[in-house]
């Protein structure tokens, strides 16, 4: 009897925690095609949705979710900003793991991944999410949790030039101790490509970062500034020369230790773990020389030709 009582108390506690998380995301939910925002967000996490709703309707496809988010537009931003700060409760996950081991009540469960869904929705909105920039900056400066620190700069980069007011916070983020945060901050500064008098000198310093992933992204970001990054040409040429002479063993590895990550082309990277150790060469392997050459061509084609050893 004692065991059943403990299980019932655990069920009640989980229900309370789940209700609290659910209520925290509420505002009146915007609707598209008769379905609420939460339904469309399930398209960014279909695997867990299917586990949690084994007999429910199928979730939307990722592309359908993107289109719905774009149609909903800025009405989604207040909810997404709250979700971005909602990591899965480790207590809830542990309790549900315990409940899965008992045989009295079967409760399908999968993590809600609220922050992951919010990030994907912001990516779908792109520049349409410009009204969320102050909120995103506030999260970046106040929430030290790994996911917001990595994801917010990536989102700001996808917003692009309308996120110019985030530049002071992003410049402070260049000193972050985590390689993925620095990488994503640089990605954002390049995509916003504004205030070159402030940003270009800061990016030039990043060409000396100990991590090749960061050096490569700094070169790419400088290329985004075109002729406004003319002052970076000597440093880019020096980096190109050093990398060609001795790329070193570190440049053949990326600084990511994670079982789950997101990469957008050669852009931002978001990891589910707080990455600090080397990982085998893979999709994150930075081509520092190639990216430096591309940047030089975008800034000053004549300088690029002069630097080309051929």
C-alpha atoms as a PDB file:
ATOM      1  CA  UNK A   1       0.000   0.000   0.000  1.00  0.00           C
ATOM      2  CA  UNK A   2       2.891   2.337   0.845  1.00  0.00           C
ATOM      3  CA  UNK A   3       4.383   1.881  -2.618  1.00  0.00           C
ATOM      4  CA  UNK A   4       1.083   2.740  -4.331  1.00  0.00           C
ATOM      5  CA  UNK A   5       0.726   5.831  -2.183  1.00  0.00           C
ATOM      6  CA  UNK A   6       4.230   7.024  -3.065  1.00  0.00           C
ATOM      7  CA  UNK A   7       3.455   6.533  -6.745  1.00  0.00           C
ATOM      8  CA  UNK A   8       0.214   8.512  -6.455  1.00  0.00           C
ATOM      9  CA  UNK A   9       2.029  11.340  -4.714  1.00  0.00           C
ATOM     10  CA  UNK A  10       4.652  11.306  -7.455  1.00  0.00           C
ATOM     11  CA  UNK A  11       1.903  11.481 -10.098  1.00  0.00           C
ATOM     12  CA  UNK A  12       0.356  14.446  -8.311  1.00  0.00           C
ATOM     13  CA  UNK A  13       3.694  16.248  -8.038  1.00  0.00           C
ATOM     14  CA  UNK A  14       4.443  15.699 -11.711  1.00  0.00           C
ATOM     15  CA  UNK A  15       0.979  16.979 -12.614  1.00  0.00           C
ATOM     16  CA  UNK A  16       1.562  20.138 -10.581  1.00  0.00           C
ATOM     17  CA  UNK A  17       4.966  20.741 -12.169  1.00  0.00           C
ATOM     18  CA  UNK A  18       3.589  20.101 -15.661  1.00  0.00           C
ATOM     19  CA  UNK A  19       0.667  22.459 -15.013  1.00  0.00           C
ATOM     20  CA  UNK A  20       3.055  25.157 -13.834  1.00  0.00           C
ATOM     21  CA  UNK A  21       5.143  24.866 -17.009  1.00  0.00           C
ATOM     22  CA  UNK A  22       2.005  24.887 -19.148  1.00  0.00           C
ATOM     23  CA  UNK A  23       0.544  27.943 -17.427  1.00  0.00           C
ATOM     24  CA  UNK A  24       3.858  29.787 -17.794  1.00  0.00           C
ATOM     25  CA  UNK A  25       3.495  29.676 -21.573  1.00  0.00           C
ATOM     26  CA  UNK A  26      -0.044  30.975 -21.637  1.00  0.00           C
ATOM     27  CA  UNK A  27      -1.164  34.359 -22.983  1.00  0.00           C
ATOM     28  CA  UNK A  28      -4.127  33.769 -25.218  1.00  0.00           C
ATOM     29  CA  UNK A  29      -2.435  31.616 -27.837  1.00  0.00           C
ATOM     30  CA  UNK A  30      -2.520  32.998 -31.379  1.00  0.00           C
ATOM     31  CA  UNK A  31      -4.251  30.711 -33.862  1.00  0.00           C
ATOM     32  CA  UNK A  32      -3.567  29.785 -37.484  1.00  0.00           C
ATOM     33  CA  UNK A  33      -5.932  27.638 -39.567  1.00  0.00           C
ATOM     34  CA  UNK A  34      -7.967  26.956 -36.449  1.00  0.00           C
ATOM     35  CA  UNK A  35      -5.016  25.490 -34.514  1.00  0.00           C
ATOM     36  CA  UNK A  36      -3.120  27.182 -31.659  1.00  0.00           C
ATOM     37  CA  UNK A  37       0.527  28.155 -31.658  1.00  0.00           C
ATOM     38  CA  UNK A  38       1.434  25.176 -29.422  1.00  0.00           C
ATOM     39  CA  UNK A  39       0.188  22.749 -32.084  1.00  0.00           C
ATOM     40  CA  UNK A  40       2.400  24.300 -34.758  1.00  0.00           C
ATOM     41  CA  UNK A  41       5.409  24.379 -32.445  1.00  0.00           C
ATOM     42  CA  UNK A  42       5.111  20.596 -32.143  1.00  0.00           C
ATOM     43  CA  UNK A  43       6.422  20.479 -35.720  1.00  0.00           C
ATOM     44  CA  UNK A  44       9.877  21.318 -34.337  1.00  0.00           C
ATOM     45  CA  UNK A  45       9.943  18.293 -32.035  1.00  0.00           C
ATOM     46  CA  UNK A  46       7.877  15.588 -33.740  1.00  0.00           C
ATOM     47  CA  UNK A  47       9.684  12.650 -32.140  1.00  0.00           C
ATOM     48  CA  UNK A  48       8.861  13.674 -28.589  1.00  0.00           C
ATOM     49  CA  UNK A  49       5.365  14.756 -29.634  1.00  0.00           C
ATOM     50  CA  UNK A  50       4.606  11.289 -30.957  1.00  0.00           C
ATOM     51  CA  UNK A  51       5.857   9.694 -27.735  1.00  0.00           C
ATOM     52  CA  UNK A  52       3.744  11.991 -25.581  1.00  0.00           C
ATOM     53  CA  UNK A  53       0.661  11.676 -27.841  1.00  0.00           C
ATOM     54  CA  UNK A  54       0.708   8.064 -29.054  1.00  0.00           C
ATOM     55  CA  UNK A  55      -2.969   8.153 -30.052  1.00  0.00           C
ATOM     56  CA  UNK A  56      -3.273  11.814 -30.914  1.00  0.00           C
ATOM     57  CA  UNK A  57      -3.302  13.602 -34.264  1.00  0.00           C
ATOM     58  CA  UNK A  58      -0.033  13.711 -36.182  1.00  0.00           C
ATOM     59  CA  UNK A  59       2.040  16.855 -35.621  1.00  0.00           C
ATOM     60  CA  UNK A  60       2.716  19.276 -38.479  1.00  0.00           C
ATOM     61  CA  UNK A  61       5.841  18.894 -40.591  1.00  0.00           C
ATOM     62  CA  UNK A  62       8.746  21.259 -39.931  1.00  0.00           C
ATOM     63  CA  UNK A  63       8.013  23.250 -43.098  1.00  0.00           C
ATOM     64  CA  UNK A  64       4.336  23.542 -42.146  1.00  0.00           C
ATOM     65  CA  UNK A  65       5.358  24.812 -38.719  1.00  0.00           C
ATOM     66  CA  UNK A  66       7.627  27.427 -40.309  1.00  0.00           C
ATOM     67  CA  UNK A  67       4.807  28.685 -42.532  1.00  0.00           C
ATOM     68  CA  UNK A  68       2.354  28.822 -39.638  1.00  0.00           C
ATOM     69  CA  UNK A  69       4.807  30.767 -37.471  1.00  0.00           C
ATOM     70  CA  UNK A  70       5.368  33.273 -40.280  1.00  0.00           C
ATOM     71  CA  UNK A  71       1.631  33.715 -40.676  1.00  0.00           C
ATOM     72  CA  UNK A  72       1.124  34.168 -36.927  1.00  0.00           C
ATOM     73  CA  UNK A  73       3.963  36.687 -36.968  1.00  0.00           C
ATOM     74  CA  UNK A  74       4.905  38.929 -34.080  1.00  0.00           C
ATOM     75  CA  UNK A  75       1.900  37.826 -32.008  1.00  0.00           C
ATOM     76  CA  UNK A  76       3.962  34.744 -31.161  1.00  0.00           C
ATOM     77  CA  UNK A  77       6.945  36.680 -29.781  1.00  0.00           C
ATOM     78  CA  UNK A  78       5.834  37.201 -26.143  1.00  0.00           C
ATOM     79  CA  UNK A  79       5.164  33.487 -25.737  1.00  0.00           C
ATOM     80  CA  UNK A  80       8.379  32.507 -27.519  1.00  0.00           C
ATOM     81  CA  UNK A  81      10.465  34.782 -25.299  1.00  0.00           C
ATOM     82  CA  UNK A  82       9.100  33.027 -22.207  1.00  0.00           C
ATOM     83  CA  UNK A  83       9.609  29.595 -23.742  1.00  0.00           C
ATOM     84  CA  UNK A  84      13.212  30.408 -24.615  1.00  0.00           C
ATOM     85  CA  UNK A  85      13.942  30.574 -20.889  1.00  0.00           C
ATOM     86  CA  UNK A  86      12.065  27.368 -20.019  1.00  0.00           C
ATOM     87  CA  UNK A  87      14.530  24.460 -19.855  1.00  0.00           C
ATOM     88  CA  UNK A  88      13.082  21.026 -19.231  1.00  0.00           C
ATOM     89  CA  UNK A  89      12.712  20.462 -15.511  1.00  0.00           C
ATOM     90  CA  UNK A  90      15.224  17.789 -14.495  1.00  0.00           C
ATOM     91  CA  UNK A  91      12.948  16.960 -11.550  1.00  0.00           C
ATOM     92  CA  UNK A  92      10.009  16.359 -13.873  1.00  0.00           C
ATOM     93  CA  UNK A  93      12.094  14.155 -16.139  1.00  0.00           C
ATOM     94  CA  UNK A  94      13.382  12.089 -13.194  1.00  0.00           C
ATOM     95  CA  UNK A  95       9.897  11.653 -11.792  1.00  0.00           C
ATOM     96  CA  UNK A  96       8.508  10.525 -15.110  1.00  0.00           C
ATOM     97  CA  UNK A  97      11.405   8.086 -15.482  1.00  0.00           C
ATOM     98  CA  UNK A  98      10.415   6.653 -12.118  1.00  0.00           C
ATOM     99  CA  UNK A  99       6.772   6.431 -13.126  1.00  0.00           C
ATOM    100  CA  UNK A 100       7.601   4.569 -16.312  1.00  0.00           C
ATOM    101  CA  UNK A 101       9.047   1.765 -14.172  1.00  0.00           C
ATOM    102  CA  UNK A 102       5.796   1.125 -12.310  1.00  0.00           C
ATOM    103  CA  UNK A 103       2.948  -0.959 -13.736  1.00  0.00           C
ATOM    104  CA  UNK A 104      -0.151   0.595 -12.150  1.00  0.00           C
ATOM    105  CA  UNK A 105      -0.561   3.655 -14.370  1.00  0.00           C
ATOM    106  CA  UNK A 106       0.879   4.113 -17.850  1.00  0.00           C
ATOM    107  CA  UNK A 107       1.762   7.734 -18.562  1.00  0.00           C
ATOM    108  CA  UNK A 108       3.276   8.579 -21.952  1.00  0.00           C
ATOM    109  CA  UNK A 109       5.898  11.276 -21.513  1.00  0.00           C
ATOM    110  CA  UNK A 110       8.526  13.068 -23.549  1.00  0.00           C
ATOM    111  CA  UNK A 111      10.423  16.303 -22.745  1.00  0.00           C
ATOM    112  CA  UNK A 112       8.614  19.443 -23.879  1.00  0.00           C
ATOM    113  CA  UNK A 113      11.793  21.076 -25.255  1.00  0.00           C
ATOM    114  CA  UNK A 114      10.169  24.491 -24.955  1.00  0.00           C
ATOM    115  CA  UNK A 115      13.362  26.476 -25.512  1.00  0.00           C
ATOM    116  CA  UNK A 116      14.316  24.410 -28.561  1.00  0.00           C
ATOM    117  CA  UNK A 117      10.878  24.998 -30.109  1.00  0.00           C
ATOM    118  CA  UNK A 118      11.096  28.727 -29.357  1.00  0.00           C
ATOM    119  CA  UNK A 119      14.476  28.995 -31.043  1.00  0.00           C
ATOM    120  CA  UNK A 120      13.219  27.301 -34.196  1.00  0.00           C
ATOM    121  CA  UNK A 121      10.163  29.552 -34.279  1.00  0.00           C
ATOM    122  CA  UNK A 122      12.325  32.668 -33.984  1.00  0.00           C
ATOM    123  CA  UNK A 123      14.466  31.357 -36.831  1.00  0.00           C
ATOM    124  CA  UNK A 124      11.348  30.983 -38.969  1.00  0.00           C
ATOM    125  CA  UNK A 125      10.331  34.563 -38.183  1.00  0.00           C
ATOM    126  CA  UNK A 126      13.742  36.005 -39.037  1.00  0.00           C
ATOM    127  CA  UNK A 127      13.590  39.791 -39.451  1.00  0.00           C
ATOM    128  CA  UNK A 128       9.861  39.708 -38.622  1.00  0.00           C
ATOM    129  CA  UNK A 129      10.920  39.176 -34.991  1.00  0.00           C
ATOM    130  CA  UNK A 130      12.615  42.580 -34.756  1.00  0.00           C
ATOM    131  CA  UNK A 131      10.177  43.672 -32.038  1.00  0.00           C
ATOM    132  CA  UNK A 132      11.593  40.885 -29.834  1.00  0.00           C
ATOM    133  CA  UNK A 133      15.164  42.246 -29.938  1.00  0.00           C
ATOM    134  CA  UNK A 134      14.964  44.103 -26.581  1.00  0.00           C
ATOM    135  CA  UNK A 135      13.587  40.976 -24.918  1.00  0.00           C
ATOM    136  CA  UNK A 136      16.246  38.790 -26.494  1.00  0.00           C
ATOM    137  CA  UNK A 137      19.002  41.127 -25.340  1.00  0.00           C
ATOM    138  CA  UNK A 138      17.572  41.108 -21.816  1.00  0.00           C
ATOM    139  CA  UNK A 139      17.609  37.302 -21.792  1.00  0.00           C
ATOM    140  CA  UNK A 140      21.173  37.170 -23.103  1.00  0.00           C
ATOM    141  CA  UNK A 141      22.408  39.558 -20.422  1.00  0.00           C
ATOM    142  CA  UNK A 142      20.417  38.150 -17.492  1.00  0.00           C
ATOM    143  CA  UNK A 143      20.074  34.391 -18.095  1.00  0.00           C
ATOM    144  CA  UNK A 144      23.402  32.526 -17.798  1.00  0.00           C
ATOM    145  CA  UNK A 145      21.859  29.170 -18.755  1.00  0.00           C
ATOM    146  CA  UNK A 146      23.697  27.443 -21.604  1.00  0.00           C
ATOM    147  CA  UNK A 147      20.875  27.280 -24.131  1.00  0.00           C
ATOM    148  CA  UNK A 148      19.828  30.958 -24.061  1.00  0.00           C
ATOM    149  CA  UNK A 149      23.466  32.044 -24.110  1.00  0.00           C
ATOM    150  CA  UNK A 150      24.067  30.067 -27.300  1.00  0.00           C
ATOM    151  CA  UNK A 151      20.668  30.503 -28.952  1.00  0.00           C
ATOM    152  CA  UNK A 152      19.986  34.213 -28.467  1.00  0.00           C
ATOM    153  CA  UNK A 153      22.967  35.385 -30.571  1.00  0.00           C
ATOM    154  CA  UNK A 154      21.962  32.890 -33.271  1.00  0.00           C
ATOM    155  CA  UNK A 155      18.420  34.307 -33.286  1.00  0.00           C
ATOM    156  CA  UNK A 156      19.718  37.877 -33.410  1.00  0.00           C
ATOM    157  CA  UNK A 157      21.845  36.903 -36.396  1.00  0.00           C
ATOM    158  CA  UNK A 158      18.777  35.559 -38.193  1.00  0.00           C
ATOM    159  CA  UNK A 159      16.922  38.808 -37.476  1.00  0.00           C
ATOM    160  CA  UNK A 160      19.841  40.572 -39.148  1.00  0.00           C
ATOM    161  CA  UNK A 161      20.191  44.363 -39.544  1.00  0.00           C
ATOM    162  CA  UNK A 162      17.000  45.148 -37.567  1.00  0.00           C
ATOM    163  CA  UNK A 163      18.801  43.735 -34.506  1.00  0.00           C
ATOM    164  CA  UNK A 164      21.387  46.557 -34.519  1.00  0.00           C
ATOM    165  CA  UNK A 165      20.474  47.652 -30.997  1.00  0.00           C
ATOM    166  CA  UNK A 166      21.856  44.314 -29.745  1.00  0.00           C
ATOM    167  CA  UNK A 167      25.409  45.168 -30.827  1.00  0.00           C
ATOM    168  CA  UNK A 168      26.647  46.453 -27.413  1.00  0.00           C
ATOM    169  CA  UNK A 169      25.488  43.262 -25.680  1.00  0.00           C
ATOM    170  CA  UNK A 170      26.974  41.106 -28.436  1.00  0.00           C
ATOM    171  CA  UNK A 171      30.324  42.878 -28.194  1.00  0.00           C
ATOM    172  CA  UNK A 172      30.395  42.045 -24.496  1.00  0.00           C
ATOM    173  CA  UNK A 173      29.589  38.448 -25.422  1.00  0.00           C
ATOM    174  CA  UNK A 174      32.860  38.161 -27.360  1.00  0.00           C
ATOM    175  CA  UNK A 175      34.616  37.650 -24.024  1.00  0.00           C
ATOM    176  CA  UNK A 176      32.472  34.635 -23.094  1.00  0.00           C
ATOM    177  CA  UNK A 177      34.403  31.565 -21.951  1.00  0.00           C
ATOM    178  CA  UNK A 178      32.302  29.150 -24.035  1.00  0.00           C
ATOM    179  CA  UNK A 179      33.431  28.654 -27.620  1.00  0.00           C
ATOM    180  CA  UNK A 180      29.903  28.225 -29.016  1.00  0.00           C
ATOM    181  CA  UNK A 181      28.722  31.465 -27.443  1.00  0.00           C
ATOM    182  CA  UNK A 182      31.674  33.355 -28.929  1.00  0.00           C
ATOM    183  CA  UNK A 183      31.101  31.681 -32.292  1.00  0.00           C
ATOM    184  CA  UNK A 184      27.398  32.569 -32.359  1.00  0.00           C
ATOM    185  CA  UNK A 185      28.017  36.136 -31.193  1.00  0.00           C
ATOM    186  CA  UNK A 186      30.430  36.606 -34.086  1.00  0.00           C
ATOM    187  CA  UNK A 187      27.904  35.041 -36.452  1.00  0.00           C
ATOM    188  CA  UNK A 188      25.314  37.569 -35.257  1.00  0.00           C
ATOM    189  CA  UNK A 189      27.655  40.545 -35.604  1.00  0.00           C
ATOM    190  CA  UNK A 190      28.417  39.536 -39.173  1.00  0.00           C
ATOM    191  CA  UNK A 191      24.765  39.070 -40.128  1.00  0.00           C
ATOM    192  CA  UNK A 192      23.749  42.393 -38.556  1.00  0.00           C
ATOM    193  CA  UNK A 193      26.777  44.079 -40.232  1.00  0.00           C
ATOM    194  CA  UNK A 194      26.238  47.486 -38.697  1.00  0.00           C
ATOM    195  CA  UNK A 195      28.398  50.008 -36.782  1.00  0.00           C
ATOM    196  CA  UNK A 196      31.660  48.935 -38.461  1.00  0.00           C
ATOM    197  CA  UNK A 197      33.753  51.434 -36.491  1.00  0.00           C
ATOM    198  CA  UNK A 198      32.898  49.506 -33.332  1.00  0.00           C
ATOM    199  CA  UNK A 199      32.468  45.994 -34.631  1.00  0.00           C
ATOM    200  CA  UNK A 200      35.300  45.546 -37.140  1.00  0.00           C
ATOM    201  CA  UNK A 201      38.125  46.194 -34.601  1.00  0.00           C
ATOM    202  CA  UNK A 202      36.482  43.726 -32.205  1.00  0.00           C
ATOM    203  CA  UNK A 203      36.257  41.082 -34.926  1.00  0.00           C
ATOM    204  CA  UNK A 204      39.897  41.640 -35.891  1.00  0.00           C
ATOM    205  CA  UNK A 205      40.871  40.710 -32.324  1.00  0.00           C
ATOM    206  CA  UNK A 206      38.837  37.502 -32.700  1.00  0.00           C
ATOM    207  CA  UNK A 207      41.164  36.403 -35.515  1.00  0.00           C
ATOM    208  CA  UNK A 208      43.640  35.598 -32.705  1.00  0.00           C
ATOM    209  CA  UNK A 209      41.171  33.469 -30.739  1.00  0.00           C
ATOM    210  CA  UNK A 210      42.723  30.154 -29.630  1.00  0.00           C
ATOM    211  CA  UNK A 211      39.823  28.213 -31.189  1.00  0.00           C
ATOM    212  CA  UNK A 212      39.867  27.681 -34.973  1.00  0.00           C
ATOM    213  CA  UNK A 213      36.067  27.600 -35.029  1.00  0.00           C
ATOM    214  CA  UNK A 214      36.019  31.173 -33.717  1.00  0.00           C
ATOM    215  CA  UNK A 215      38.827  32.384 -35.995  1.00  0.00           C
ATOM    216  CA  UNK A 216      37.045  31.009 -39.046  1.00  0.00           C
ATOM    217  CA  UNK A 217      33.742  32.653 -38.086  1.00  0.00           C
ATOM    218  CA  UNK A 218      35.506  35.962 -37.393  1.00  0.00           C
ATOM    219  CA  UNK A 219      36.931  35.930 -40.912  1.00  0.00           C
ATOM    220  CA  UNK A 220      33.484  35.211 -42.365  1.00  0.00           C
ATOM    221  CA  UNK A 221      31.902  37.995 -40.295  1.00  0.00           C
ATOM    222  CA  UNK A 222      34.507  40.498 -41.459  1.00  0.00           C
ATOM    223  CA  UNK A 223      33.701  39.553 -45.033  1.00  0.00           C
ATOM    224  CA  UNK A 224      30.073  40.528 -44.376  1.00  0.00           C
ATOM    225  CA  UNK A 225      31.232  44.129 -43.898  1.00  0.00           C
ATOM    226  CA  UNK A 226      32.813  44.334 -47.357  1.00  0.00           C
ATOM    227  CA  UNK A 227      34.829  47.519 -47.929  1.00  0.00           C
ATOM    228  CA  UNK A 228      33.943  48.740 -44.432  1.00  0.00           C
ATOM    229  CA  UNK A 229      36.348  46.066 -43.136  1.00  0.00           C
ATOM    230  CA  UNK A 230      39.341  47.340 -45.119  1.00  0.00           C
ATOM    231  CA  UNK A 231      41.300  47.764 -41.873  1.00  0.00           C
ATOM    232  CA  UNK A 232      41.069  43.992 -41.342  1.00  0.00           C
ATOM    233  CA  UNK A 233      43.001  43.112 -44.508  1.00  0.00           C
ATOM    234  CA  UNK A 234      46.497  42.954 -42.893  1.00  0.00           C
ATOM    235  CA  UNK A 235      45.235  40.751 -40.043  1.00  0.00           C
ATOM    236  CA  UNK A 236      43.349  38.467 -42.450  1.00  0.00           C
ATOM    237  CA  UNK A 237      46.413  38.076 -44.661  1.00  0.00           C
ATOM    238  CA  UNK A 238      48.555  37.279 -41.603  1.00  0.00           C
ATOM    239  CA  UNK A 239      46.026  34.697 -40.396  1.00  0.00           C
ATOM    240  CA  UNK A 240      45.937  33.128 -43.854  1.00  0.00           C
ATOM    241  CA  UNK A 241      49.749  32.937 -43.910  1.00  0.00           C
ATOM    242  CA  UNK A 242      49.959  31.351 -40.453  1.00  0.00           C
ATOM    243  CA  UNK A 243      47.255  28.776 -41.170  1.00  0.00           C
ATOM    244  CA  UNK A 244      48.851  27.774 -44.468  1.00  0.00           C
ATOM    245  CA  UNK A 245      52.291  27.390 -42.880  1.00  0.00           C
ATOM    246  CA  UNK A 246      51.180  25.509 -39.783  1.00  0.00           C
ATOM    247  CA  UNK A 247      47.482  24.772 -39.289  1.00  0.00           C
ATOM    248  CA  UNK A 248      48.370  22.828 -36.140  1.00  0.00           C
ATOM    249  CA  UNK A 249      46.522  19.836 -34.724  1.00  0.00           C
ATOM    250  CA  UNK A 250      43.881  21.989 -33.001  1.00  0.00           C
ATOM    251  CA  UNK A 251      42.582  23.329 -36.315  1.00  0.00           C
ATOM    252  CA  UNK A 252      41.685  19.809 -37.378  1.00  0.00           C
ATOM    253  CA  UNK A 253      39.205  19.530 -34.539  1.00  0.00           C
ATOM    254  CA  UNK A 254      36.175  21.511 -33.504  1.00  0.00           C
ATOM    255  CA  UNK A 255      35.501  22.385 -29.907  1.00  0.00           C
ATOM    256  CA  UNK A 256      32.184  20.614 -29.525  1.00  0.00           C
ATOM    257  CA  UNK A 257      31.288  17.794 -27.174  1.00  0.00           C
ATOM    258  CA  UNK A 258      27.621  17.056 -27.633  1.00  0.00           C
ATOM    259  CA  UNK A 259      25.184  14.355 -28.631  1.00  0.00           C
ATOM    260  CA  UNK A 260      22.764  16.877 -30.061  1.00  0.00           C
ATOM    261  CA  UNK A 261      23.460  20.032 -31.992  1.00  0.00           C
ATOM    262  CA  UNK A 262      22.066  22.285 -34.673  1.00  0.00           C
ATOM    263  CA  UNK A 263      24.053  23.747 -37.545  1.00  0.00           C
ATOM    264  CA  UNK A 264      22.736  26.157 -40.133  1.00  0.00           C
ATOM    265  CA  UNK A 265      25.041  25.996 -43.145  1.00  0.00           C
ATOM    266  CA  UNK A 266      28.326  27.540 -41.984  1.00  0.00           C
ATOM    267  CA  UNK A 267      26.449  29.715 -39.533  1.00  0.00           C
ATOM    268  CA  UNK A 268      25.434  29.352 -35.935  1.00  0.00           C
ATOM    269  CA  UNK A 269      25.837  26.260 -33.785  1.00  0.00           C
ATOM    270  CA  UNK A 270      23.744  25.390 -30.747  1.00  0.00           C
ATOM    271  CA  UNK A 271      24.644  22.435 -28.566  1.00  0.00           C
ATOM    272  CA  UNK A 272      22.581  20.677 -25.941  1.00  0.00           C
ATOM    273  CA  UNK A 273      25.647  20.412 -23.719  1.00  0.00           C
ATOM    274  CA  UNK A 274      27.983  23.083 -22.400  1.00  0.00           C
ATOM    275  CA  UNK A 275      30.724  22.388 -24.926  1.00  0.00           C
ATOM    276  CA  UNK A 276      34.293  22.789 -23.741  1.00  0.00           C
ATOM    277  CA  UNK A 277      36.239  19.804 -25.095  1.00  0.00           C
ATOM    278  CA  UNK A 278      37.445  18.721 -28.499  1.00  0.00           C
ATOM    279  CA  UNK A 279      35.388  16.395 -30.668  1.00  0.00           C
ATOM    280  CA  UNK A 280      36.340  14.434 -33.794  1.00  0.00           C
ATOM    281  CA  UNK A 281      36.536  16.262 -37.072  1.00  0.00           C
ATOM    282  CA  UNK A 282      33.080  16.514 -38.626  1.00  0.00           C
ATOM    283  CA  UNK A 283      30.562  19.104 -39.748  1.00  0.00           C
ATOM    284  CA  UNK A 284      32.154  21.686 -37.451  1.00  0.00           C
ATOM    285  CA  UNK A 285      35.662  21.368 -38.865  1.00  0.00           C
ATOM    286  CA  UNK A 286      36.549  24.998 -39.705  1.00  0.00           C
ATOM    287  CA  UNK A 287      38.273  25.827 -42.971  1.00  0.00           C
ATOM    288  CA  UNK A 288      40.117  28.863 -41.649  1.00  0.00           C
ATOM    289  CA  UNK A 289      42.186  29.394 -44.798  1.00  0.00           C
ATOM    290  CA  UNK A 290      39.199  29.051 -47.120  1.00  0.00           C
ATOM    291  CA  UNK A 291      37.037  31.390 -45.091  1.00  0.00           C
ATOM    292  CA  UNK A 292      39.852  33.925 -44.802  1.00  0.00           C
ATOM    293  CA  UNK A 293      40.353  33.864 -48.571  1.00  0.00           C
ATOM    294  CA  UNK A 294      36.640  34.393 -49.146  1.00  0.00           C
ATOM    295  CA  UNK A 295      36.602  37.309 -46.708  1.00  0.00           C
ATOM    296  CA  UNK A 296      39.570  38.958 -48.411  1.00  0.00           C
ATOM    297  CA  UNK A 297      37.844  38.648 -51.780  1.00  0.00           C
ATOM    298  CA  UNK A 298      34.736  40.324 -50.420  1.00  0.00           C
ATOM    299  CA  UNK A 299      36.684  43.134 -48.768  1.00  0.00           C
ATOM    300  CA  UNK A 300      39.492  43.754 -51.257  1.00  0.00           C
ATOM    301  CA  UNK A 301      39.892  41.463 -54.263  1.00  0.00           C
ATOM    302  CA  UNK A 302      43.281  42.962 -55.129  1.00  0.00           C
ATOM    303  CA  UNK A 303      44.608  42.191 -51.654  1.00  0.00           C
ATOM    304  CA  UNK A 304      43.252  38.668 -51.915  1.00  0.00           C
ATOM    305  CA  UNK A 305      45.034  38.116 -55.231  1.00  0.00           C
ATOM    306  CA  UNK A 306      48.279  39.437 -53.765  1.00  0.00           C
ATOM    307  CA  UNK A 307      47.951  37.063 -50.807  1.00  0.00           C
ATOM    308  CA  UNK A 308      47.252  34.059 -53.037  1.00  0.00           C
ATOM    309  CA  UNK A 309      50.482  32.019 -53.211  1.00  0.00           C
ATOM    310  CA  UNK A 310      49.632  30.599 -56.668  1.00  0.00           C
END
